């Protein structure tokens, strides 16, 4: 994504990819303004016989939770990687949030 251990969290949105060789996470800014900052996290599973990972789940997390997840995965041995698929269209905003 954008944050290594000990680095300051950037104020501008950034896209990033992490993988442990079996799973892939795609971090993409979804909402980014002075009142609300959210990233959409898409997870996928690497399949040997497929060109792209099998997309499994998409969620939206606050900027703070997304950075926490990124740092946690790095501590577990995940590595930044190149884009693994063409991202799907963004999720529709939920009413009443």
Protein backbone atom coordinates (compact mmCIF):
# COMPACT_ATOMS: atom_id res chain seq x y z
CA UNK A 1 0.00 0.00 0.00
CA UNK A 2 2.12 2.81 1.20
CA UNK A 3 3.28 2.34 4.78
CA UNK A 4 6.39 0.52 5.93
CA UNK A 5 7.12 0.10 9.62
CA UNK A 6 8.30 3.37 11.10
CA UNK A 7 7.08 5.45 8.15
CA UNK A 8 4.55 8.26 8.48
CA UNK A 9 1.07 7.54 7.09
CA UNK A 10 0.64 9.63 3.92
CA UNK A 11 -2.19 12.12 3.66
CA UNK A 12 -2.88 11.37 -0.01
CA UNK A 13 -4.60 8.15 -1.10
CA UNK A 14 -2.52 5.33 -2.54
CA UNK A 15 -3.21 1.91 -4.01
CA UNK A 16 -1.23 -1.15 -2.98
CA UNK A 17 -0.95 -4.93 -3.24
CA UNK A 18 0.28 -7.55 -0.74
CA UNK A 19 0.74 -11.31 -1.13
CA UNK A 20 1.94 -14.26 0.92
CA UNK A 21 2.15 -16.50 -2.18
CA UNK A 22 -1.28 -18.05 -1.57
CA UNK A 23 -3.46 -15.01 -0.86
CA UNK A 24 -3.46 -11.51 -2.35
CA UNK A 25 -4.85 -8.28 -0.87
CA UNK A 26 -5.58 -5.20 -2.97
CA UNK A 27 -5.88 -1.89 -1.09
CA UNK A 28 -7.63 0.88 -3.03
CA UNK A 29 -8.89 4.28 -1.85
CA UNK A 30 -12.70 4.39 -1.99
CA UNK A 31 -13.65 7.61 -0.16
CA UNK A 32 -11.06 10.27 0.48
CA UNK A 33 -12.00 13.69 1.80
CA UNK A 34 -11.27 15.69 4.92
CA UNK A 35 -14.16 14.10 6.86
CA UNK A 36 -13.98 10.49 5.77
CA UNK A 37 -11.21 8.27 4.47
CA UNK A 38 -11.93 4.66 3.53
CA UNK A 39 -10.13 2.03 1.52
CA UNK A 40 -11.67 -0.91 -0.30
CA UNK A 41 -9.81 -4.16 0.40
CA UNK A 42 -10.25 -6.98 -2.12
CA UNK A 43 -8.87 -10.42 -1.29
CA UNK A 44 -8.06 -13.19 -3.72
CA UNK A 45 -6.69 -16.73 -3.62
CA UNK A 46 -3.86 -17.75 -5.96
CA UNK A 47 -4.78 -20.86 -7.98
CA UNK A 48 -2.04 -22.72 -9.85
CA UNK A 49 -4.12 -23.36 -12.94
CA UNK A 50 -5.52 -19.82 -13.25
CA UNK A 51 -3.91 -16.69 -14.68
CA UNK A 52 -5.40 -14.43 -12.00
CA UNK A 53 -6.35 -15.10 -8.36
CA UNK A 54 -9.90 -16.11 -7.47
CA UNK A 55 -11.53 -13.01 -6.00
CA UNK A 56 -13.10 -13.86 -2.66
CA UNK A 57 -14.17 -10.80 -0.73
CA UNK A 58 -14.39 -7.00 -0.78
CA UNK A 59 -14.78 -4.82 2.28
CA UNK A 60 -14.39 -1.16 3.12
CA UNK A 61 -12.24 -0.17 6.07
CA UNK A 62 -11.37 3.15 7.61
CA UNK A 63 -7.93 4.45 6.75
CA UNK A 64 -6.69 3.59 10.24
CA UNK A 65 -7.95 -0.02 10.07
CA UNK A 66 -6.55 -0.49 6.56
CA UNK A 67 -3.11 0.73 7.65
CA UNK A 68 -3.32 -1.56 10.69
CA UNK A 69 -4.16 -4.54 8.43
CA UNK A 70 -1.30 -3.63 6.05
CA UNK A 71 1.23 -3.47 8.88
CA UNK A 72 -0.09 -6.69 10.44
CA UNK A 73 0.30 -8.58 7.15
CA UNK A 74 3.85 -7.22 6.66
CA UNK A 75 4.74 -8.43 10.17
CA UNK A 76 3.37 -11.88 9.22
CA UNK A 77 5.73 -12.04 6.23
CA UNK A 78 3.49 -10.79 3.41
CA UNK A 79 5.32 -8.84 0.71
CA UNK A 80 4.27 -5.98 -1.57
CA UNK A 81 3.62 -7.29 -5.09
CA UNK A 82 2.65 -6.10 -8.54
CA UNK A 83 -1.05 -5.81 -9.46
CA UNK A 84 -2.55 -9.29 -9.78
CA UNK A 85 -5.84 -8.50 -11.56
CA UNK A 86 -7.85 -5.68 -13.07
CA UNK A 87 -9.83 -4.29 -10.10
CA UNK A 88 -13.64 -4.64 -10.24
CA UNK A 89 -15.84 -1.53 -10.22
CA UNK A 90 -16.15 0.16 -6.79
CA UNK A 91 -18.81 -0.90 -4.31
CA UNK A 92 -21.92 1.26 -4.21
CA UNK A 93 -22.10 3.46 -1.11
CA UNK A 94 -24.46 2.25 1.59
CA UNK A 95 -27.27 4.56 2.63
CA UNK A 96 -27.52 5.50 6.28
CA UNK A 97 -23.84 5.10 7.11
